[in-house]
Amino acid sequence: MRKILVVNDDGITSEGLVRLARLAKKYGEVWVIAPNRQFSAKSHSATFWEPIEIWPVDFPVEDVHAYAISGTPSDCSCLGINEVIPGGPDRVFCGINLGYNIASDIQYSATVGAAMEAASHGVHTIAFSEHHEAPHDVTDKYIEGIADELIDKPLGKNEIWNVNFPGCSLEECRGIKYGCIVSQDDFYAGGYNEIARDGDKISYQIDFARNWQGEEGTDLGAIVGNYISVGKVKNYS
């Protein structure tokens, strides 16, 4: 039986993690390892200079081995592969992330960071993401079929499958676009707002807007057009 490691960056209590663990049970024995708190936008950060604590947790999916850790999402992948799962996992599922992992967001995403960590260990990995607040009808309808297709579909060294579900209604979804490349469009505008000042100490809050116009054939272009985006992302490129 396959061993499936499920990780995320939204934390062990994330609803998207629960949904992905339920899906993963179709493919084998499931091990969930996730941070004990929100870890979005931490990229491929890892814990080097202090111990990482890991402990079992009650999880709302039966017959799943579930653990929380004090470390980062990439720590979840590394610990799962090297220490927790006997013999290591056969597949890694990352997500379901609350928020798209497209365009330049990919460089910040700790979901993708965890996926890239798994890929660097030679494990076949799929990252799943969706709109952070929309109804998830599109995800729920299509995710199993896409997982069926990608779970054995070949990847190159240090590559992952990256899947993003649009935040539209099921009726508005126009289907799946395969082979999407990472958009190189200017995705962010804005900067920082000063919110407090105490002598020489100044506090800033990030303030940005996203550009929702992407070229045809890109992940951003697919999401803007209400398509599911499926493509490969390569580490060390």
C-alpha atoms as a PDB file:
ATOM      1  CA  MET A   1       0.000   0.000   0.000  1.00  0.00           C
ATOM      2  CA  ARG A   2       1.228   3.480  -0.850  1.00  0.00           C
ATOM      3  CA  LYS A   3       2.122   5.881   1.941  1.00  0.00           C
ATOM      4  CA  ILE A   4       0.846   9.415   1.349  1.00  0.00           C
ATOM      5  CA  LEU A   5       2.249  12.386   3.263  1.00  0.00           C
ATOM      6  CA  VAL A   6      -0.110  15.379   3.475  1.00  0.00           C
ATOM      7  CA  VAL A   7       1.343  18.746   4.534  1.00  0.00           C
ATOM      8  CA  ASN A   8       0.329  22.395   4.368  1.00  0.00           C
ATOM      9  CA  ASP A   9       1.219  25.903   5.473  1.00  0.00           C
ATOM     10  CA  ASP A  10      -2.137  27.011   6.909  1.00  0.00           C
ATOM     11  CA  GLY A  11      -1.724  24.869  10.009  1.00  0.00           C
ATOM     12  CA  ILE A  12      -2.972  21.606  11.452  1.00  0.00           C
ATOM     13  CA  THR A  13      -6.525  22.929  11.980  1.00  0.00           C
ATOM     14  CA  SER A  14      -6.997  24.095   8.378  1.00  0.00           C
ATOM     15  CA  GLU A  15     -10.189  22.914   6.706  1.00  0.00           C
ATOM     16  CA  GLY A  16      -8.315  22.509   3.418  1.00  0.00           C
ATOM     17  CA  LEU A  17      -5.882  20.087   5.068  1.00  0.00           C
ATOM     18  CA  VAL A  18      -8.801  17.962   6.279  1.00  0.00           C
ATOM     19  CA  ARG A  19     -10.322  17.820   2.798  1.00  0.00           C
ATOM     20  CA  LEU A  20      -7.000  16.827   1.245  1.00  0.00           C
ATOM     21  CA  ALA A  21      -6.408  14.113   3.844  1.00  0.00           C
ATOM     22  CA  ARG A  22      -9.825  12.646   3.028  1.00  0.00           C
ATOM     23  CA  LEU A  23      -8.901  12.587  -0.651  1.00  0.00           C
ATOM     24  CA  ALA A  24      -5.487  11.066   0.060  1.00  0.00           C
ATOM     25  CA  LYS A  25      -7.095   8.056   1.785  1.00  0.00           C
ATOM     26  CA  LYS A  26      -8.206   6.878  -1.658  1.00  0.00           C
ATOM     27  CA  TYR A  27      -4.559   6.299  -2.592  1.00  0.00           C
ATOM     28  CA  GLY A  28      -3.127   4.638   0.481  1.00  0.00           C
ATOM     29  CA  GLU A  29      -2.087   5.028   4.113  1.00  0.00           C
ATOM     30  CA  VAL A  30      -2.172   8.696   5.082  1.00  0.00           C
ATOM     31  CA  TRP A  31       0.221  10.627   7.291  1.00  0.00           C
ATOM     32  CA  VAL A  32      -0.619  14.263   8.061  1.00  0.00           C
ATOM     33  CA  ILE A  33       2.153  16.537   9.315  1.00  0.00           C
ATOM     34  CA  ALA A  34       1.424  20.251   9.584  1.00  0.00           C
ATOM     35  CA  PRO A  35       2.619  23.312  11.509  1.00  0.00           C
ATOM     36  CA  ASN A  36       0.905  24.056  14.805  1.00  0.00           C
ATOM     37  CA  ARG A  37       0.134  27.588  13.548  1.00  0.00           C
ATOM     38  CA  GLN A  38      -0.340  29.642  10.415  1.00  0.00           C
ATOM     39  CA  PHE A  39       2.837  29.621   8.296  1.00  0.00           C
ATOM     40  CA  SER A  40       1.788  31.204   5.001  1.00  0.00           C
ATOM     41  CA  ALA A  41       4.267  33.261   2.964  1.00  0.00           C
ATOM     42  CA  LYS A  42       7.289  31.666   4.664  1.00  0.00           C
ATOM     43  CA  SER A  43       8.555  30.189   1.387  1.00  0.00           C
ATOM     44  CA  HIS A  44      11.119  27.374   1.784  1.00  0.00           C
ATOM     45  CA  SER A  45      12.236  28.412   5.267  1.00  0.00           C
ATOM     46  CA  ALA A  46      13.570  25.676   7.536  1.00  0.00           C
ATOM     47  CA  THR A  47      14.479  25.299  11.201  1.00  0.00           C
ATOM     48  CA  PHE A  48      18.226  24.990  11.626  1.00  0.00           C
ATOM     49  CA  TRP A  49      19.231  26.535  14.947  1.00  0.00           C
ATOM     50  CA  GLU A  50      16.682  25.123  17.393  1.00  0.00           C
ATOM     51  CA  PRO A  51      14.939  21.809  18.005  1.00  0.00           C
ATOM     52  CA  ILE A  52      11.718  20.922  16.188  1.00  0.00           C
ATOM     53  CA  GLU A  53       8.997  19.474  18.375  1.00  0.00           C
ATOM     54  CA  ILE A  54       6.453  17.029  16.947  1.00  0.00           C
ATOM     55  CA  TRP A  55       3.435  15.483  18.660  1.00  0.00           C
ATOM     56  CA  PRO A  56       0.343  13.431  17.702  1.00  0.00           C
ATOM     57  CA  VAL A  57      -2.998  15.240  17.440  1.00  0.00           C
ATOM     58  CA  ASP A  58      -6.634  14.280  17.185  1.00  0.00           C
ATOM     59  CA  PHE A  59      -7.660  14.687  13.555  1.00  0.00           C
ATOM     60  CA  PRO A  60     -11.170  14.715  12.088  1.00  0.00           C
ATOM     61  CA  VAL A  61     -10.409  12.024   9.500  1.00  0.00           C
ATOM     62  CA  GLU A  62     -10.430   8.415  10.633  1.00  0.00           C
ATOM     63  CA  ASP A  63      -7.451   6.082  10.224  1.00  0.00           C
ATOM     64  CA  VAL A  64      -4.974   8.897   9.564  1.00  0.00           C
ATOM     65  CA  HIS A  65      -1.664   9.354  11.379  1.00  0.00           C
ATOM     66  CA  ALA A  66      -1.688  13.064  12.284  1.00  0.00           C
ATOM     67  CA  TYR A  67       1.035  15.215  13.830  1.00  0.00           C
ATOM     68  CA  ALA A  68       1.614  18.881  14.540  1.00  0.00           C
ATOM     69  CA  ILE A  69       5.096  20.335  14.628  1.00  0.00           C
ATOM     70  CA  SER A  70       6.683  23.510  15.933  1.00  0.00           C
ATOM     71  CA  GLY A  71       8.593  24.018  12.682  1.00  0.00           C
ATOM     72  CA  THR A  72       7.907  25.207   9.155  1.00  0.00           C
ATOM     73  CA  PRO A  73       6.058  23.548   6.259  1.00  0.00           C
ATOM     74  CA  SER A  74       9.330  22.449   4.662  1.00  0.00           C
ATOM     75  CA  ASP A  75      10.261  20.916   8.027  1.00  0.00           C
ATOM     76  CA  CYS A  76       7.000  18.941   7.796  1.00  0.00           C
ATOM     77  CA  SER A  77       8.089  17.421   4.497  1.00  0.00           C
ATOM     78  CA  CYS A  78      11.653  16.774   5.614  1.00  0.00           C
ATOM     79  CA  LEU A  79      10.691  15.193   8.943  1.00  0.00           C
ATOM     80  CA  GLY A  80       7.961  13.118   7.346  1.00  0.00           C
ATOM     81  CA  ILE A  81      10.258  11.784   4.663  1.00  0.00           C
ATOM     82  CA  ASN A  82      13.303  11.155   6.816  1.00  0.00           C
ATOM     83  CA  GLU A  83      12.030  10.368  10.319  1.00  0.00           C
ATOM     84  CA  VAL A  84       8.301   9.896  10.810  1.00  0.00           C
ATOM     85  CA  ILE A  85       7.055   7.643   8.006  1.00  0.00           C
ATOM     86  CA  PRO A  86       8.733   4.232   7.993  1.00  0.00           C
ATOM     87  CA  GLY A  87      10.613   3.957   4.716  1.00  0.00           C
ATOM     88  CA  GLY A  88       9.398   7.396   3.679  1.00  0.00           C
ATOM     89  CA  PRO A  89       6.283   8.348   1.682  1.00  0.00           C
ATOM     90  CA  ASP A  90       5.541   7.301  -1.874  1.00  0.00           C
ATOM     91  CA  ARG A  91       3.686  10.539  -2.643  1.00  0.00           C
ATOM     92  CA  VAL A  92       3.320  13.972  -1.053  1.00  0.00           C
ATOM     93  CA  PHE A  93       0.177  16.113  -1.280  1.00  0.00           C
ATOM     94  CA  CYS A  94       0.467  19.768  -0.231  1.00  0.00           C
ATOM     95  CA  GLY A  95      -2.520  21.970   0.614  1.00  0.00           C
ATOM     96  CA  ILE A  96      -5.291  22.556  -0.026  1.00  0.00           C
ATOM     97  CA  ASN A  97      -3.830  26.038   0.311  1.00  0.00           C
ATOM     98  CA  LEU A  98      -6.118  28.962   1.124  1.00  0.00           C
ATOM     99  CA  GLY A  99      -5.002  31.325  -1.626  1.00  0.00           C
ATOM    100  CA  TYR A 100      -3.586  30.784  -5.086  1.00  0.00           C
ATOM    101  CA  ASN A 101      -0.017  29.676  -5.695  1.00  0.00           C
ATOM    102  CA  ILE A 102       0.459  31.360  -9.052  1.00  0.00           C
ATOM    103  CA  ALA A 103       2.724  33.951 -10.685  1.00  0.00           C
ATOM    104  CA  SER A 104       5.178  35.574  -8.275  1.00  0.00           C
ATOM    105  CA  ASP A 105       3.185  34.333  -5.281  1.00  0.00           C
ATOM    106  CA  ILE A 106       4.951  31.014  -5.813  1.00  0.00           C
ATOM    107  CA  GLN A 107       8.224  32.413  -4.492  1.00  0.00           C
ATOM    108  CA  TYR A 108       6.544  33.297  -1.170  1.00  0.00           C
ATOM    109  CA  SER A 109       4.338  30.233  -0.788  1.00  0.00           C
ATOM    110  CA  ALA A 110       5.240  27.867   2.031  1.00  0.00           C
ATOM    111  CA  THR A 111       2.903  25.296   0.495  1.00  0.00           C
ATOM    112  CA  VAL A 112       5.117  25.311  -2.571  1.00  0.00           C
ATOM    113  CA  GLY A 113       8.155  25.440  -0.280  1.00  0.00           C
ATOM    114  CA  ALA A 114       7.019  22.213   1.388  1.00  0.00           C
ATOM    115  CA  ALA A 115       6.359  20.691  -2.032  1.00  0.00           C
ATOM    116  CA  MET A 116       9.808  21.671  -3.288  1.00  0.00           C
ATOM    117  CA  GLU A 117      11.390  20.179  -0.179  1.00  0.00           C
ATOM    118  CA  ALA A 118       9.669  16.873  -0.926  1.00  0.00           C
ATOM    119  CA  ALA A 119      10.717  17.056  -4.579  1.00  0.00           C
ATOM    120  CA  SER A 120      14.326  17.618  -3.551  1.00  0.00           C
ATOM    121  CA  HIS A 121      14.132  14.242  -1.776  1.00  0.00           C
ATOM    122  CA  GLY A 122      12.898  12.613  -4.961  1.00  0.00           C
ATOM    123  CA  VAL A 123       9.263  12.177  -3.880  1.00  0.00           C
ATOM    124  CA  HIS A 124       6.480  12.685  -6.428  1.00  0.00           C
ATOM    125  CA  THR A 125       4.578  15.742  -5.176  1.00  0.00           C
ATOM    126  CA  ILE A 126       1.390  17.645  -6.012  1.00  0.00           C
ATOM    127  CA  ALA A 127       0.489  21.068  -4.584  1.00  0.00           C
ATOM    128  CA  PHE A 128      -3.189  22.105  -4.497  1.00  0.00           C
ATOM    129  CA  SER A 129      -4.481  25.647  -3.970  1.00  0.00           C
ATOM    130  CA  GLU A 130      -7.777  27.516  -4.183  1.00  0.00           C
ATOM    131  CA  HIS A 131      -9.255  30.966  -3.636  1.00  0.00           C
ATOM    132  CA  HIS A 132      -8.937  31.878   0.022  1.00  0.00           C
ATOM    133  CA  GLU A 133     -12.575  32.748   0.677  1.00  0.00           C
ATOM    134  CA  ALA A 134     -14.790  31.705  -2.228  1.00  0.00           C
ATOM    135  CA  PRO A 135     -17.074  28.667  -2.253  1.00  0.00           C
ATOM    136  CA  HIS A 136     -15.000  25.600  -3.081  1.00  0.00           C
ATOM    137  CA  ASP A 137     -17.453  23.813  -5.364  1.00  0.00           C
ATOM    138  CA  VAL A 138     -14.978  23.790  -8.260  1.00  0.00           C
ATOM    139  CA  THR A 139     -12.272  22.239  -6.103  1.00  0.00           C
ATOM    140  CA  ASP A 140     -14.601  19.621  -4.690  1.00  0.00           C
ATOM    141  CA  LYS A 141     -15.862  18.595  -8.131  1.00  0.00           C
ATOM    142  CA  TYR A 142     -12.521  18.362  -9.946  1.00  0.00           C
ATOM    143  CA  ILE A 143      -9.794  17.607  -7.404  1.00  0.00           C
ATOM    144  CA  GLU A 144     -10.210  13.837  -7.338  1.00  0.00           C
ATOM    145  CA  GLY A 145     -10.091  13.478 -11.116  1.00  0.00           C
ATOM    146  CA  ILE A 146      -7.008  15.687 -11.325  1.00  0.00           C
ATOM    147  CA  ALA A 147      -5.296  13.768  -8.519  1.00  0.00           C
ATOM    148  CA  ASP A 148      -6.088  10.506 -10.329  1.00  0.00           C
ATOM    149  CA  GLU A 149      -4.405  11.877 -13.425  1.00  0.00           C
ATOM    150  CA  LEU A 150      -1.341  13.399 -11.769  1.00  0.00           C
ATOM    151  CA  ILE A 151      -0.481  10.913  -9.037  1.00  0.00           C
ATOM    152  CA  ASP A 152       1.520   8.766 -11.469  1.00  0.00           C
ATOM    153  CA  LYS A 153       2.170  11.312 -14.209  1.00  0.00           C
ATOM    154  CA  PRO A 154       5.946  11.713 -14.613  1.00  0.00           C
ATOM    155  CA  LEU A 155       7.863  14.650 -13.211  1.00  0.00           C
ATOM    156  CA  GLY A 156      11.438  15.692 -13.810  1.00  0.00           C
ATOM    157  CA  LYS A 157      14.025  16.080 -11.081  1.00  0.00           C
ATOM    158  CA  ASN A 158      13.054  18.795  -8.583  1.00  0.00           C
ATOM    159  CA  GLU A 159       9.678  19.327 -10.273  1.00  0.00           C
ATOM    160  CA  ILE A 160       6.214  19.381  -8.734  1.00  0.00           C
ATOM    161  CA  TRP A 161       2.690  19.473 -10.083  1.00  0.00           C
ATOM    162  CA  ASN A 162       1.007  22.757  -9.178  1.00  0.00           C
ATOM    163  CA  VAL A 163      -2.807  22.863  -9.300  1.00  0.00           C
ATOM    164  CA  ASN A 164      -4.947  25.969  -8.688  1.00  0.00           C
ATOM    165  CA  PHE A 165      -8.748  26.056  -8.575  1.00  0.00           C
ATOM    166  CA  PRO A 166     -10.540  29.302  -9.516  1.00  0.00           C
ATOM    167  CA  GLY A 167     -12.786  31.115  -7.064  1.00  0.00           C
ATOM    168  CA  CYS A 168     -15.842  31.071  -9.292  1.00  0.00           C
ATOM    169  CA  SER A 169     -19.076  29.135  -9.177  1.00  0.00           C
ATOM    170  CA  LEU A 170     -19.260  25.667 -10.664  1.00  0.00           C
ATOM    171  CA  GLU A 171     -21.388  27.038 -13.497  1.00  0.00           C
ATOM    172  CA  GLU A 172     -18.791  29.710 -14.298  1.00  0.00           C
ATOM    173  CA  CYS A 173     -15.838  27.306 -14.377  1.00  0.00           C
ATOM    174  CA  ARG A 174     -14.724  26.814 -17.972  1.00  0.00           C
ATOM    175  CA  GLY A 175     -12.725  23.628 -17.439  1.00  0.00           C
ATOM    176  CA  ILE A 176      -9.074  22.674 -16.955  1.00  0.00           C
ATOM    177  CA  LYS A 177      -6.016  24.141 -18.638  1.00  0.00           C
ATOM    178  CA  TYR A 178      -3.002  21.835 -18.613  1.00  0.00           C
ATOM    179  CA  GLY A 179       0.600  22.805 -19.207  1.00  0.00           C
ATOM    180  CA  CYS A 180       0.251  26.238 -17.621  1.00  0.00           C
ATOM    181  CA  ILE A 181       3.555  27.998 -17.080  1.00  0.00           C
ATOM    182  CA  VAL A 182       4.243  30.355 -14.192  1.00  0.00           C
ATOM    183  CA  SER A 183       3.125  33.850 -15.152  1.00  0.00           C
ATOM    184  CA  GLN A 184       5.871  36.449 -15.522  1.00  0.00           C
ATOM    185  CA  ASP A 185       3.357  39.301 -15.535  1.00  0.00           C
ATOM    186  CA  ASP A 186       3.768  42.063 -12.969  1.00  0.00           C
ATOM    187  CA  PHE A 187       1.557  40.619 -10.261  1.00  0.00           C
ATOM    188  CA  TYR A 188       1.997  43.093  -7.407  1.00  0.00           C
ATOM    189  CA  ALA A 189       1.721  46.850  -7.028  1.00  0.00           C
ATOM    190  CA  GLY A 190       2.016  48.942  -3.902  1.00  0.00           C
ATOM    191  CA  GLY A 191       4.366  49.027  -0.957  1.00  0.00           C
ATOM    192  CA  TYR A 192       4.123  49.864   2.740  1.00  0.00           C
ATOM    193  CA  ASN A 193       2.117  52.256   4.897  1.00  0.00           C
ATOM    194  CA  GLU A 194       3.551  53.819   8.026  1.00  0.00           C
ATOM    195  CA  ILE A 195       1.163  52.940  10.858  1.00  0.00           C
ATOM    196  CA  ALA A 196       3.042  54.019  14.006  1.00  0.00           C
ATOM    197  CA  ARG A 197       6.096  55.954  15.129  1.00  0.00           C
ATOM    198  CA  ASP A 198       7.809  55.862  18.518  1.00  0.00           C
ATOM    199  CA  GLY A 199      10.925  58.002  18.490  1.00  0.00           C
ATOM    200  CA  ASP A 200      13.298  56.428  15.967  1.00  0.00           C
ATOM    201  CA  LYS A 201      11.204  53.269  15.751  1.00  0.00           C
ATOM    202  CA  ILE A 202       8.731  53.170  12.849  1.00  0.00           C
ATOM    203  CA  SER A 203       6.110  50.490  12.188  1.00  0.00           C
ATOM    204  CA  TYR A 204       5.010  49.667   8.642  1.00  0.00           C
ATOM    205  CA  GLN A 205       2.157  47.558   7.301  1.00  0.00           C
ATOM    206  CA  ILE A 206       2.393  46.013   3.850  1.00  0.00           C
ATOM    207  CA  ASP A 207      -0.141  47.398   1.382  1.00  0.00           C
ATOM    208  CA  PHE A 208      -0.384  45.837  -2.049  1.00  0.00           C
ATOM    209  CA  ALA A 209      -2.762  45.097  -4.869  1.00  0.00           C
ATOM    210  CA  ARG A 210      -2.612  42.247  -7.362  1.00  0.00           C
ATOM    211  CA  ASN A 211      -2.761  42.500 -11.126  1.00  0.00           C
ATOM    212  CA  TRP A 212      -5.452  40.127 -12.389  1.00  0.00           C
ATOM    213  CA  GLN A 213      -4.413  40.151 -16.030  1.00  0.00           C
ATOM    214  CA  GLY A 214      -2.307  37.242 -17.218  1.00  0.00           C
ATOM    215  CA  GLU A 215      -1.076  36.056 -20.568  1.00  0.00           C
ATOM    216  CA  GLU A 216      -2.632  33.065 -22.296  1.00  0.00           C
ATOM    217  CA  GLY A 217      -0.963  29.803 -21.312  1.00  0.00           C
ATOM    218  CA  THR A 218       0.014  30.998 -17.830  1.00  0.00           C
ATOM    219  CA  ASP A 219      -1.337  30.027 -14.416  1.00  0.00           C
ATOM    220  CA  LEU A 220      -2.547  33.572 -13.820  1.00  0.00           C
ATOM    221  CA  GLY A 221      -4.223  33.713 -17.215  1.00  0.00           C
ATOM    222  CA  ALA A 222      -6.059  30.474 -16.498  1.00  0.00           C
ATOM    223  CA  ILE A 223      -7.344  31.608 -13.098  1.00  0.00           C
ATOM    224  CA  VAL A 224      -8.469  34.986 -14.476  1.00  0.00           C
ATOM    225  CA  GLY A 225     -10.381  33.108 -17.177  1.00  0.00           C
ATOM    226  CA  ASN A 226     -12.100  30.842 -14.601  1.00  0.00           C
ATOM    227  CA  TYR A 227     -10.100  27.768 -15.591  1.00  0.00           C
ATOM    228  CA  ILE A 228      -8.344  25.304 -13.309  1.00  0.00           C
ATOM    229  CA  SER A 229      -4.601  25.746 -13.793  1.00  0.00           C
ATOM    230  CA  VAL A 230      -2.387  22.644 -13.917  1.00  0.00           C
ATOM    231  CA  GLY A 231       1.311  22.904 -14.589  1.00  0.00           C
ATOM    232  CA  LYS A 232       4.809  21.994 -13.466  1.00  0.00           C
ATOM    233  CA  VAL A 233       7.039  24.136 -11.301  1.00  0.00           C
ATOM    234  CA  LYS A 234      10.730  23.391 -11.125  1.00  0.00           C
ATOM    235  CA  ASN A 235      13.069  24.106  -8.251  1.00  0.00           C
ATOM    236  CA  TYR A 236      16.590  25.424  -8.823  1.00  0.00           C
ATOM    237  CA  SER A 237      15.544  26.780 -12.227  1.00  0.00           C
END
